[in-house]
């Protein structure tokens, strides 16, 4: 008797073959849609706190580096005392694309996103056709600072709200004027969508105000997909309210350190419902001020674009080095 083991050959049936073929097609489509394409920066700029890989022009890269440094100074001045903040850290990594089309070609499947942060890189494009070409990058750079420098663990409303609080602030040649609103930034240009009536109860009924408890808890509100801009307006305006209002600004850093969740909010700021009334009034005043272009809140006409500052001091950013070809 032979001691050899029988050899069995597995053959796919026709139906199994079709299913496997369908699976391969689905995987190929997913890879085509979501896997990043090769990208080769044309220059690298070593700035004081950032390394920028760029396909934008040298001038655009230089200006973006300076804007990022202004953000770094402003962020450090306000949040540098929170537990976990590290003033010594690795260079922050930036990928700056020459335009929106390139960003989306190299990073397919972005959906609504105009920029994104995925450790270790911030990825954004130079928005040359916008009045403020930096705000998408600055938004993602705040997420990077939250994660890599301040080591914060934040509720979604405060994570996004902080990013908007800084990125929607007025940017001049020598300073990011935090809290002074730039009308040419997201989500500020959608501000007409929030608190459309003077009365809070009416706004809760008509859907232009989402209950603050739902915002803080991250659940219980309307669908995000259908109310995307409205959620961002809530996150931004609530952060602006906490950081800028005379009553609460002294508690803002404590709230940040505690993460900004519902229980932390009520412990540090107060019961949600009374605060909701105050916040709603603040939003209405904010809208009115922005409508009048009140410099107490907003950006005036004729502000210079970010550039090298001749009067740099301890409270302003150091101009970055000249970019080098790569």
C-alpha atoms as a PDB file:
ATOM      1  CA  UNK A   1       0.000   0.000   0.000  1.00  0.00           C
ATOM      2  CA  UNK A   2       1.335   3.435  -0.911  1.00  0.00           C
ATOM      3  CA  UNK A   3       2.116   5.789   1.961  1.00  0.00           C
ATOM      4  CA  UNK A   4       1.596   8.893  -0.181  1.00  0.00           C
ATOM      5  CA  UNK A   5      -1.233  11.187   0.921  1.00  0.00           C
ATOM      6  CA  UNK A   6      -3.952  11.889  -1.611  1.00  0.00           C
ATOM      7  CA  UNK A   7      -3.639  15.249  -3.379  1.00  0.00           C
ATOM      8  CA  UNK A   8      -6.799  17.363  -3.522  1.00  0.00           C
ATOM      9  CA  UNK A   9      -7.063  20.231  -5.956  1.00  0.00           C
ATOM     10  CA  UNK A  10      -9.523  22.994  -5.024  1.00  0.00           C
ATOM     11  CA  UNK A  11     -11.405  24.413  -7.944  1.00  0.00           C
ATOM     12  CA  UNK A  12     -13.615  27.504  -7.835  1.00  0.00           C
ATOM     13  CA  UNK A  13     -17.146  27.135  -9.014  1.00  0.00           C
ATOM     14  CA  UNK A  14     -18.470  29.611 -11.552  1.00  0.00           C
ATOM     15  CA  UNK A  15     -20.384  31.595  -8.902  1.00  0.00           C
ATOM     16  CA  UNK A  16     -17.343  31.783  -6.635  1.00  0.00           C
ATOM     17  CA  UNK A  17     -15.192  32.926  -9.540  1.00  0.00           C
ATOM     18  CA  UNK A  18     -17.623  35.743 -10.292  1.00  0.00           C
ATOM     19  CA  UNK A  19     -17.700  36.830  -6.638  1.00  0.00           C
ATOM     20  CA  UNK A  20     -13.920  36.859  -6.488  1.00  0.00           C
ATOM     21  CA  UNK A  21     -13.782  38.929  -9.665  1.00  0.00           C
ATOM     22  CA  UNK A  22     -16.301  41.402  -8.211  1.00  0.00           C
ATOM     23  CA  UNK A  23     -14.229  41.671  -5.035  1.00  0.00           C
ATOM     24  CA  UNK A  24     -11.075  42.387  -7.014  1.00  0.00           C
ATOM     25  CA  UNK A  25     -12.881  45.101  -8.965  1.00  0.00           C
ATOM     26  CA  UNK A  26     -14.171  46.692  -5.729  1.00  0.00           C
ATOM     27  CA  UNK A  27     -10.680  46.633  -4.218  1.00  0.00           C
ATOM     28  CA  UNK A  28      -9.205  48.165  -7.351  1.00  0.00           C
ATOM     29  CA  UNK A  29     -11.782  50.966  -7.343  1.00  0.00           C
ATOM     30  CA  UNK A  30     -11.200  51.593  -3.618  1.00  0.00           C
ATOM     31  CA  UNK A  31      -7.457  51.747  -4.177  1.00  0.00           C
ATOM     32  CA  UNK A  32      -7.900  54.144  -7.094  1.00  0.00           C
ATOM     33  CA  UNK A  33     -10.221  56.355  -5.047  1.00  0.00           C
ATOM     34  CA  UNK A  34      -8.478  56.445  -1.673  1.00  0.00           C
ATOM     35  CA  UNK A  35      -4.773  55.534  -1.924  1.00  0.00           C
ATOM     36  CA  UNK A  36      -2.604  58.677  -2.176  1.00  0.00           C
ATOM     37  CA  UNK A  37      -0.795  59.281  -5.457  1.00  0.00           C
ATOM     38  CA  UNK A  38       2.951  59.913  -5.669  1.00  0.00           C
ATOM     39  CA  UNK A  39       3.904  63.525  -4.969  1.00  0.00           C
ATOM     40  CA  UNK A  40       7.302  65.195  -5.307  1.00  0.00           C
ATOM     41  CA  UNK A  41       7.835  68.597  -3.664  1.00  0.00           C
ATOM     42  CA  UNK A  42       9.854  71.085  -5.674  1.00  0.00           C
ATOM     43  CA  UNK A  43      11.301  72.903  -2.659  1.00  0.00           C
ATOM     44  CA  UNK A  44      11.814  72.481   1.068  1.00  0.00           C
ATOM     45  CA  UNK A  45      11.762  75.329   3.566  1.00  0.00           C
ATOM     46  CA  UNK A  46      13.205  74.986   7.060  1.00  0.00           C
ATOM     47  CA  UNK A  47      11.386  77.483   9.296  1.00  0.00           C
ATOM     48  CA  UNK A  48      11.852  77.983  13.056  1.00  0.00           C
ATOM     49  CA  UNK A  49       9.224  75.414  14.036  1.00  0.00           C
ATOM     50  CA  UNK A  50       8.154  73.874  10.723  1.00  0.00           C
ATOM     51  CA  UNK A  51       9.592  72.005   7.785  1.00  0.00           C
ATOM     52  CA  UNK A  52       7.554  72.736   4.675  1.00  0.00           C
ATOM     53  CA  UNK A  53       7.589  70.517   1.594  1.00  0.00           C
ATOM     54  CA  UNK A  54       6.008  72.486  -1.209  1.00  0.00           C
ATOM     55  CA  UNK A  55       5.035  72.657  -4.851  1.00  0.00           C
ATOM     56  CA  UNK A  56       3.785  76.235  -4.441  1.00  0.00           C
ATOM     57  CA  UNK A  57       5.997  79.102  -5.565  1.00  0.00           C
ATOM     58  CA  UNK A  58       8.910  80.188  -3.347  1.00  0.00           C
ATOM     59  CA  UNK A  59       7.040  83.396  -2.487  1.00  0.00           C
ATOM     60  CA  UNK A  60       3.846  81.523  -1.572  1.00  0.00           C
ATOM     61  CA  UNK A  61       5.801  79.010   0.491  1.00  0.00           C
ATOM     62  CA  UNK A  62       7.638  81.799   2.312  1.00  0.00           C
ATOM     63  CA  UNK A  63       4.382  83.614   3.072  1.00  0.00           C
ATOM     64  CA  UNK A  64       2.736  80.416   4.329  1.00  0.00           C
ATOM     65  CA  UNK A  65       5.715  79.694   6.584  1.00  0.00           C
ATOM     66  CA  UNK A  66       5.438  83.170   8.071  1.00  0.00           C
ATOM     67  CA  UNK A  67       1.695  82.762   8.644  1.00  0.00           C
ATOM     68  CA  UNK A  68       2.349  79.436  10.377  1.00  0.00           C
ATOM     69  CA  UNK A  69       4.953  81.066  12.600  1.00  0.00           C
ATOM     70  CA  UNK A  70       2.517  83.834  13.548  1.00  0.00           C
ATOM     71  CA  UNK A  71       0.022  81.127  14.471  1.00  0.00           C
ATOM     72  CA  UNK A  72       2.641  79.282  16.517  1.00  0.00           C
ATOM     73  CA  UNK A  73       3.443  82.435  18.500  1.00  0.00           C
ATOM     74  CA  UNK A  74      -0.225  83.265  19.109  1.00  0.00           C
ATOM     75  CA  UNK A  75      -1.073  79.695  20.107  1.00  0.00           C
ATOM     76  CA  UNK A  76       1.926  79.459  22.443  1.00  0.00           C
ATOM     77  CA  UNK A  77       1.162  82.803  24.056  1.00  0.00           C
ATOM     78  CA  UNK A  78      -2.336  81.640  24.990  1.00  0.00           C
ATOM     79  CA  UNK A  79      -2.020  77.888  25.503  1.00  0.00           C
ATOM     80  CA  UNK A  80       1.612  77.558  26.504  1.00  0.00           C
ATOM     81  CA  UNK A  81       0.726  77.141  30.181  1.00  0.00           C
ATOM     82  CA  UNK A  82      -1.576  74.138  29.814  1.00  0.00           C
ATOM     83  CA  UNK A  83      -0.429  70.819  31.189  1.00  0.00           C
ATOM     84  CA  UNK A  84       1.239  68.792  28.463  1.00  0.00           C
ATOM     85  CA  UNK A  85       2.497  71.732  26.405  1.00  0.00           C
ATOM     86  CA  UNK A  86       6.061  71.093  25.228  1.00  0.00           C
ATOM     87  CA  UNK A  87       8.149  73.986  23.955  1.00  0.00           C
ATOM     88  CA  UNK A  88      10.817  71.558  22.799  1.00  0.00           C
ATOM     89  CA  UNK A  89       9.528  69.229  20.106  1.00  0.00           C
ATOM     90  CA  UNK A  90      10.310  67.878  16.674  1.00  0.00           C
ATOM     91  CA  UNK A  91       9.845  70.090  13.628  1.00  0.00           C
ATOM     92  CA  UNK A  92       6.207  70.244  12.569  1.00  0.00           C
ATOM     93  CA  UNK A  93       5.807  68.735   9.105  1.00  0.00           C
ATOM     94  CA  UNK A  94       3.853  70.529   6.366  1.00  0.00           C
ATOM     95  CA  UNK A  95       2.912  69.546   2.825  1.00  0.00           C
ATOM     96  CA  UNK A  96       1.908  72.613   0.843  1.00  0.00           C
ATOM     97  CA  UNK A  97       0.286  71.929  -2.534  1.00  0.00           C
ATOM     98  CA  UNK A  98       0.330  74.523  -5.281  1.00  0.00           C
ATOM     99  CA  UNK A  99      -3.464  74.525  -5.707  1.00  0.00           C
ATOM    100  CA  UNK A 100      -6.682  72.730  -4.825  1.00  0.00           C
ATOM    101  CA  UNK A 101      -6.601  70.521  -7.902  1.00  0.00           C
ATOM    102  CA  UNK A 102      -3.209  69.101  -6.979  1.00  0.00           C
ATOM    103  CA  UNK A 103      -4.213  68.446  -3.368  1.00  0.00           C
ATOM    104  CA  UNK A 104      -7.257  66.492  -4.486  1.00  0.00           C
ATOM    105  CA  UNK A 105      -5.440  64.617  -7.228  1.00  0.00           C
ATOM    106  CA  UNK A 106      -2.705  63.436  -4.873  1.00  0.00           C
ATOM    107  CA  UNK A 107      -5.133  62.742  -2.011  1.00  0.00           C
ATOM    108  CA  UNK A 108      -8.275  61.273  -3.602  1.00  0.00           C
ATOM    109  CA  UNK A 109     -11.447  60.624  -1.652  1.00  0.00           C
ATOM    110  CA  UNK A 110     -11.291  63.835   0.395  1.00  0.00           C
ATOM    111  CA  UNK A 111     -14.996  64.569   0.019  1.00  0.00           C
ATOM    112  CA  UNK A 112     -15.746  67.996   1.497  1.00  0.00           C
ATOM    113  CA  UNK A 113     -12.280  68.513   3.022  1.00  0.00           C
ATOM    114  CA  UNK A 114     -10.149  71.421   1.782  1.00  0.00           C
ATOM    115  CA  UNK A 115      -7.168  70.358   3.911  1.00  0.00           C
ATOM    116  CA  UNK A 116      -6.404  67.698   6.497  1.00  0.00           C
ATOM    117  CA  UNK A 117      -3.999  66.694   9.239  1.00  0.00           C
ATOM    118  CA  UNK A 118      -2.811  63.134   9.555  1.00  0.00           C
ATOM    119  CA  UNK A 119       0.241  62.730  11.748  1.00  0.00           C
ATOM    120  CA  UNK A 120       2.911  63.754  11.032  1.00  0.00           C
ATOM    121  CA  UNK A 121       1.813  65.997   8.142  1.00  0.00           C
ATOM    122  CA  UNK A 122      -0.540  68.925   7.694  1.00  0.00           C
ATOM    123  CA  UNK A 123      -1.700  68.933   4.098  1.00  0.00           C
ATOM    124  CA  UNK A 124      -3.242  71.993   2.454  1.00  0.00           C
ATOM    125  CA  UNK A 125      -3.021  74.038  -0.714  1.00  0.00           C
ATOM    126  CA  UNK A 126      -2.163  77.674  -1.276  1.00  0.00           C
ATOM    127  CA  UNK A 127      -5.544  79.275  -1.994  1.00  0.00           C
ATOM    128  CA  UNK A 128      -4.245  81.979  -4.310  1.00  0.00           C
ATOM    129  CA  UNK A 129      -7.729  82.938  -5.509  1.00  0.00           C
ATOM    130  CA  UNK A 130      -9.041  83.625  -1.980  1.00  0.00           C
ATOM    131  CA  UNK A 131      -8.698  86.847   0.015  1.00  0.00           C
ATOM    132  CA  UNK A 132      -7.092  84.818   2.795  1.00  0.00           C
ATOM    133  CA  UNK A 133      -4.991  82.064   1.183  1.00  0.00           C
ATOM    134  CA  UNK A 134      -3.805  80.656   4.527  1.00  0.00           C
ATOM    135  CA  UNK A 135      -6.916  79.842   6.568  1.00  0.00           C
ATOM    136  CA  UNK A 136      -7.274  76.200   5.442  1.00  0.00           C
ATOM    137  CA  UNK A 137      -3.654  75.500   6.381  1.00  0.00           C
ATOM    138  CA  UNK A 138      -3.907  77.363   9.695  1.00  0.00           C
ATOM    139  CA  UNK A 139      -6.987  75.356  10.661  1.00  0.00           C
ATOM    140  CA  UNK A 140      -5.147  72.062  10.228  1.00  0.00           C
ATOM    141  CA  UNK A 141      -2.019  73.465  11.840  1.00  0.00           C
ATOM    142  CA  UNK A 142      -3.995  74.061  15.046  1.00  0.00           C
ATOM    143  CA  UNK A 143      -4.971  70.380  15.071  1.00  0.00           C
ATOM    144  CA  UNK A 144      -1.264  69.597  14.695  1.00  0.00           C
ATOM    145  CA  UNK A 145      -0.376  71.904  17.590  1.00  0.00           C
ATOM    146  CA  UNK A 146      -3.117  70.389  19.734  1.00  0.00           C
ATOM    147  CA  UNK A 147      -1.758  66.907  19.106  1.00  0.00           C
ATOM    148  CA  UNK A 148       2.020  67.250  18.764  1.00  0.00           C
ATOM    149  CA  UNK A 149       2.823  70.260  20.947  1.00  0.00           C
ATOM    150  CA  UNK A 150       0.101  70.719  23.582  1.00  0.00           C
ATOM    151  CA  UNK A 151      -0.884  67.016  23.709  1.00  0.00           C
ATOM    152  CA  UNK A 152      -4.554  67.824  24.263  1.00  0.00           C
ATOM    153  CA  UNK A 153      -7.460  65.382  24.357  1.00  0.00           C
ATOM    154  CA  UNK A 154     -10.486  67.442  23.391  1.00  0.00           C
ATOM    155  CA  UNK A 155     -14.163  66.917  22.709  1.00  0.00           C
ATOM    156  CA  UNK A 156     -14.996  67.413  19.037  1.00  0.00           C
ATOM    157  CA  UNK A 157     -16.642  70.818  19.500  1.00  0.00           C
ATOM    158  CA  UNK A 158     -13.561  72.224  21.247  1.00  0.00           C
ATOM    159  CA  UNK A 159     -11.028  70.503  18.970  1.00  0.00           C
ATOM    160  CA  UNK A 160     -12.697  72.008  15.903  1.00  0.00           C
ATOM    161  CA  UNK A 161     -13.647  75.201  17.700  1.00  0.00           C
ATOM    162  CA  UNK A 162     -10.044  75.968  18.644  1.00  0.00           C
ATOM    163  CA  UNK A 163      -8.918  75.317  15.079  1.00  0.00           C
ATOM    164  CA  UNK A 164     -11.509  77.793  13.818  1.00  0.00           C
ATOM    165  CA  UNK A 165     -10.917  80.308  16.601  1.00  0.00           C
ATOM    166  CA  UNK A 166      -7.331  80.739  15.409  1.00  0.00           C
ATOM    167  CA  UNK A 167      -7.712  80.183  11.665  1.00  0.00           C
ATOM    168  CA  UNK A 168     -10.637  82.624  11.388  1.00  0.00           C
ATOM    169  CA  UNK A 169      -8.728  85.367  13.198  1.00  0.00           C
ATOM    170  CA  UNK A 170      -7.352  88.490  11.566  1.00  0.00           C
ATOM    171  CA  UNK A 171      -3.876  87.950  10.114  1.00  0.00           C
ATOM    172  CA  UNK A 172      -1.600  90.939   9.559  1.00  0.00           C
ATOM    173  CA  UNK A 173       2.026  91.246   8.522  1.00  0.00           C
ATOM    174  CA  UNK A 174       3.336  90.900  12.077  1.00  0.00           C
ATOM    175  CA  UNK A 175       0.605  89.288  14.174  1.00  0.00           C
ATOM    176  CA  UNK A 176      -2.311  86.891  14.246  1.00  0.00           C
ATOM    177  CA  UNK A 177      -4.886  88.999  16.097  1.00  0.00           C
ATOM    178  CA  UNK A 178      -6.662  86.154  17.852  1.00  0.00           C
ATOM    179  CA  UNK A 179     -10.363  86.770  18.360  1.00  0.00           C
ATOM    180  CA  UNK A 180     -10.567  89.505  15.724  1.00  0.00           C
ATOM    181  CA  UNK A 181     -12.698  87.830  13.084  1.00  0.00           C
ATOM    182  CA  UNK A 182     -11.648  87.677   9.436  1.00  0.00           C
ATOM    183  CA  UNK A 183     -14.776  87.685   7.306  1.00  0.00           C
ATOM    184  CA  UNK A 184     -12.894  85.915   4.504  1.00  0.00           C
ATOM    185  CA  UNK A 185     -12.538  82.615   6.352  1.00  0.00           C
ATOM    186  CA  UNK A 186     -14.522  79.443   6.921  1.00  0.00           C
ATOM    187  CA  UNK A 187     -16.989  79.107   8.605  1.00  0.00           C
ATOM    188  CA  UNK A 188     -17.506  82.853   9.089  1.00  0.00           C
ATOM    189  CA  UNK A 189     -18.755  83.351   5.551  1.00  0.00           C
ATOM    190  CA  UNK A 190     -21.755  81.120   6.457  1.00  0.00           C
ATOM    191  CA  UNK A 191     -22.657  83.106   9.577  1.00  0.00           C
ATOM    192  CA  UNK A 192     -26.096  84.054   8.239  1.00  0.00           C
ATOM    193  CA  UNK A 193     -27.138  80.420   8.776  1.00  0.00           C
ATOM    194  CA  UNK A 194     -26.924  80.537  12.582  1.00  0.00           C
ATOM    195  CA  UNK A 195     -29.416  82.222  14.970  1.00  0.00           C
ATOM    196  CA  UNK A 196     -31.559  83.658  12.193  1.00  0.00           C
ATOM    197  CA  UNK A 197     -34.133  85.102  14.629  1.00  0.00           C
ATOM    198  CA  UNK A 198     -33.628  87.360  17.625  1.00  0.00           C
ATOM    199  CA  UNK A 199     -35.341  84.826  19.900  1.00  0.00           C
ATOM    200  CA  UNK A 200     -33.600  81.681  21.114  1.00  0.00           C
ATOM    201  CA  UNK A 201     -36.769  79.589  21.271  1.00  0.00           C
ATOM    202  CA  UNK A 202     -37.654  80.481  17.695  1.00  0.00           C
ATOM    203  CA  UNK A 203     -34.172  79.536  16.532  1.00  0.00           C
ATOM    204  CA  UNK A 204     -34.395  76.200  18.308  1.00  0.00           C
ATOM    205  CA  UNK A 205     -37.687  75.584  16.487  1.00  0.00           C
ATOM    206  CA  UNK A 206     -36.503  76.686  13.052  1.00  0.00           C
ATOM    207  CA  UNK A 207     -33.258  74.683  13.362  1.00  0.00           C
ATOM    208  CA  UNK A 208     -30.816  77.580  13.058  1.00  0.00           C
ATOM    209  CA  UNK A 209     -29.649  76.862  16.607  1.00  0.00           C
ATOM    210  CA  UNK A 210     -28.709  73.361  17.729  1.00  0.00           C
ATOM    211  CA  UNK A 211     -29.256  72.771  21.459  1.00  0.00           C
ATOM    212  CA  UNK A 212     -25.984  73.480  23.217  1.00  0.00           C
ATOM    213  CA  UNK A 213     -26.285  70.275  25.207  1.00  0.00           C
ATOM    214  CA  UNK A 214     -26.166  68.297  21.944  1.00  0.00           C
ATOM    215  CA  UNK A 215     -23.139  70.281  20.778  1.00  0.00           C
ATOM    216  CA  UNK A 216     -21.244  69.583  23.994  1.00  0.00           C
ATOM    217  CA  UNK A 217     -22.243  65.917  24.194  1.00  0.00           C
ATOM    218  CA  UNK A 218     -21.572  65.234  20.519  1.00  0.00           C
ATOM    219  CA  UNK A 219     -24.923  63.496  20.109  1.00  0.00           C
ATOM    220  CA  UNK A 220     -28.617  64.229  20.042  1.00  0.00           C
ATOM    221  CA  UNK A 221     -28.498  66.947  17.381  1.00  0.00           C
ATOM    222  CA  UNK A 222     -29.583  66.961  13.732  1.00  0.00           C
ATOM    223  CA  UNK A 223     -27.657  65.025  11.116  1.00  0.00           C
ATOM    224  CA  UNK A 224     -24.128  66.267  10.524  1.00  0.00           C
ATOM    225  CA  UNK A 225     -24.226  65.669   6.781  1.00  0.00           C
ATOM    226  CA  UNK A 226     -27.205  67.951   6.250  1.00  0.00           C
ATOM    227  CA  UNK A 227     -26.019  70.596   8.746  1.00  0.00           C
ATOM    228  CA  UNK A 228     -22.268  70.587   8.232  1.00  0.00           C
ATOM    229  CA  UNK A 229     -21.696  74.347   8.134  1.00  0.00           C
ATOM    230  CA  UNK A 230     -24.114  74.912  11.002  1.00  0.00           C
ATOM    231  CA  UNK A 231     -22.162  72.574  13.283  1.00  0.00           C
ATOM    232  CA  UNK A 232     -18.912  74.345  12.464  1.00  0.00           C
ATOM    233  CA  UNK A 233     -20.549  77.708  13.185  1.00  0.00           C
ATOM    234  CA  UNK A 234     -21.637  76.407  16.596  1.00  0.00           C
ATOM    235  CA  UNK A 235     -18.193  74.995  17.419  1.00  0.00           C
ATOM    236  CA  UNK A 236     -16.464  78.220  16.354  1.00  0.00           C
ATOM    237  CA  UNK A 237     -18.872  80.663  18.007  1.00  0.00           C
ATOM    238  CA  UNK A 238     -18.992  78.740  21.298  1.00  0.00           C
ATOM    239  CA  UNK A 239     -15.178  78.675  21.478  1.00  0.00           C
ATOM    240  CA  UNK A 240     -15.053  82.371  20.599  1.00  0.00           C
ATOM    241  CA  UNK A 241     -17.614  83.060  23.337  1.00  0.00           C
ATOM    242  CA  UNK A 242     -15.675  81.155  26.010  1.00  0.00           C
ATOM    243  CA  UNK A 243     -12.280  82.618  25.077  1.00  0.00           C
ATOM    244  CA  UNK A 244     -13.387  86.200  24.433  1.00  0.00           C
ATOM    245  CA  UNK A 245     -16.264  86.960  26.827  1.00  0.00           C
ATOM    246  CA  UNK A 246     -15.252  88.825  29.973  1.00  0.00           C
ATOM    247  CA  UNK A 247     -17.188  86.425  32.181  1.00  0.00           C
ATOM    248  CA  UNK A 248     -15.618  83.164  30.984  1.00  0.00           C
ATOM    249  CA  UNK A 249     -12.233  83.898  29.400  1.00  0.00           C
ATOM    250  CA  UNK A 250     -10.384  83.289  32.682  1.00  0.00           C
ATOM    251  CA  UNK A 251     -11.805  79.745  32.770  1.00  0.00           C
ATOM    252  CA  UNK A 252     -11.017  78.862  29.147  1.00  0.00           C
ATOM    253  CA  UNK A 253      -7.672  77.137  29.775  1.00  0.00           C
ATOM    254  CA  UNK A 254      -9.100  75.074  32.625  1.00  0.00           C
ATOM    255  CA  UNK A 255     -11.836  73.888  30.265  1.00  0.00           C
ATOM    256  CA  UNK A 256      -9.195  73.008  27.650  1.00  0.00           C
ATOM    257  CA  UNK A 257      -7.173  71.012  30.165  1.00  0.00           C
ATOM    258  CA  UNK A 258     -10.300  69.092  31.183  1.00  0.00           C
ATOM    259  CA  UNK A 259     -11.126  68.286  27.550  1.00  0.00           C
ATOM    260  CA  UNK A 260     -14.316  70.298  27.073  1.00  0.00           C
ATOM    261  CA  UNK A 261     -16.819  67.457  27.428  1.00  0.00           C
ATOM    262  CA  UNK A 262     -20.314  68.020  28.793  1.00  0.00           C
ATOM    263  CA  UNK A 263     -19.484  67.246  32.426  1.00  0.00           C
ATOM    264  CA  UNK A 264     -16.282  69.305  32.289  1.00  0.00           C
ATOM    265  CA  UNK A 265     -18.179  72.204  30.732  1.00  0.00           C
ATOM    266  CA  UNK A 266     -20.779  72.272  33.479  1.00  0.00           C
ATOM    267  CA  UNK A 267     -18.113  71.956  36.165  1.00  0.00           C
ATOM    268  CA  UNK A 268     -15.935  74.769  34.789  1.00  0.00           C
ATOM    269  CA  UNK A 269     -18.353  77.081  32.952  1.00  0.00           C
ATOM    270  CA  UNK A 270     -21.750  76.344  34.470  1.00  0.00           C
ATOM    271  CA  UNK A 271     -25.121  74.695  33.754  1.00  0.00           C
ATOM    272  CA  UNK A 272     -25.733  74.376  30.025  1.00  0.00           C
ATOM    273  CA  UNK A 273     -29.154  75.997  29.702  1.00  0.00           C
ATOM    274  CA  UNK A 274     -28.296  79.385  31.293  1.00  0.00           C
ATOM    275  CA  UNK A 275     -25.012  79.470  29.372  1.00  0.00           C
ATOM    276  CA  UNK A 276     -26.942  78.716  26.178  1.00  0.00           C
ATOM    277  CA  UNK A 277     -28.954  81.893  26.666  1.00  0.00           C
ATOM    278  CA  UNK A 278     -25.764  83.937  27.149  1.00  0.00           C
ATOM    279  CA  UNK A 279     -24.043  82.313  24.160  1.00  0.00           C
ATOM    280  CA  UNK A 280     -27.084  82.962  21.933  1.00  0.00           C
ATOM    281  CA  UNK A 281     -27.027  86.636  22.846  1.00  0.00           C
ATOM    282  CA  UNK A 282     -23.308  86.720  22.120  1.00  0.00           C
ATOM    283  CA  UNK A 283     -23.850  85.169  18.684  1.00  0.00           C
ATOM    284  CA  UNK A 284     -26.520  87.729  17.857  1.00  0.00           C
ATOM    285  CA  UNK A 285     -24.188  90.583  18.867  1.00  0.00           C
ATOM    286  CA  UNK A 286     -21.343  88.979  16.936  1.00  0.00           C
ATOM    287  CA  UNK A 287     -23.463  88.768  13.805  1.00  0.00           C
ATOM    288  CA  UNK A 288     -24.516  92.378  14.175  1.00  0.00           C
ATOM    289  CA  UNK A 289     -20.931  93.555  14.674  1.00  0.00           C
ATOM    290  CA  UNK A 290     -19.665  91.595  11.683  1.00  0.00           C
ATOM    291  CA  UNK A 291     -22.476  93.007   9.593  1.00  0.00           C
ATOM    292  CA  UNK A 292     -21.271  96.510  10.487  1.00  0.00           C
ATOM    293  CA  UNK A 293     -17.627  95.479   9.946  1.00  0.00           C
ATOM    294  CA  UNK A 294     -16.947  96.513  13.544  1.00  0.00           C
ATOM    295  CA  UNK A 295     -13.184  96.288  14.148  1.00  0.00           C
ATOM    296  CA  UNK A 296     -13.885  95.126  17.688  1.00  0.00           C
ATOM    297  CA  UNK A 297     -14.725  91.782  16.113  1.00  0.00           C
ATOM    298  CA  UNK A 298     -13.818  91.824  12.468  1.00  0.00           C
ATOM    299  CA  UNK A 299     -11.200  92.532   9.871  1.00  0.00           C
ATOM    300  CA  UNK A 300     -11.132  96.031   8.463  1.00  0.00           C
ATOM    301  CA  UNK A 301     -10.327  97.022   4.893  1.00  0.00           C
ATOM    302  CA  UNK A 302      -6.765  97.429   3.774  1.00  0.00           C
ATOM    303  CA  UNK A 303      -5.008  95.121   6.230  1.00  0.00           C
ATOM    304  CA  UNK A 304      -1.631  94.031   4.872  1.00  0.00           C
ATOM    305  CA  UNK A 305      -1.055  90.447   3.871  1.00  0.00           C
ATOM    306  CA  UNK A 306       1.368  88.351   5.933  1.00  0.00           C
ATOM    307  CA  UNK A 307       4.977  89.059   5.010  1.00  0.00           C
ATOM    308  CA  UNK A 308       8.370  89.576   6.593  1.00  0.00           C
ATOM    309  CA  UNK A 309       8.042  92.013   9.466  1.00  0.00           C
ATOM    310  CA  UNK A 310      10.600  94.789   9.820  1.00  0.00           C
ATOM    311  CA  UNK A 311       9.631  95.361  13.455  1.00  0.00           C
ATOM    312  CA  UNK A 312       9.761  91.801  14.726  1.00  0.00           C
ATOM    313  CA  UNK A 313       9.904  91.572  18.511  1.00  0.00           C
ATOM    314  CA  UNK A 314       9.551  88.952  21.224  1.00  0.00           C
ATOM    315  CA  UNK A 315       5.813  88.838  20.578  1.00  0.00           C
ATOM    316  CA  UNK A 316       6.051  88.377  16.825  1.00  0.00           C
ATOM    317  CA  UNK A 317       7.320  85.571  14.667  1.00  0.00           C
ATOM    318  CA  UNK A 318      10.840  85.255  13.350  1.00  0.00           C
ATOM    319  CA  UNK A 319      10.815  85.358   9.533  1.00  0.00           C
ATOM    320  CA  UNK A 320      11.607  81.889   8.177  1.00  0.00           C
ATOM    321  CA  UNK A 321      14.651  81.056   6.117  1.00  0.00           C
ATOM    322  CA  UNK A 322      14.610  81.255   2.350  1.00  0.00           C
ATOM    323  CA  UNK A 323      13.243  78.096   0.676  1.00  0.00           C
ATOM    324  CA  UNK A 324      15.679  75.811  -1.038  1.00  0.00           C
ATOM    325  CA  UNK A 325      15.061  73.918  -4.249  1.00  0.00           C
ATOM    326  CA  UNK A 326      14.700  70.204  -4.063  1.00  0.00           C
END
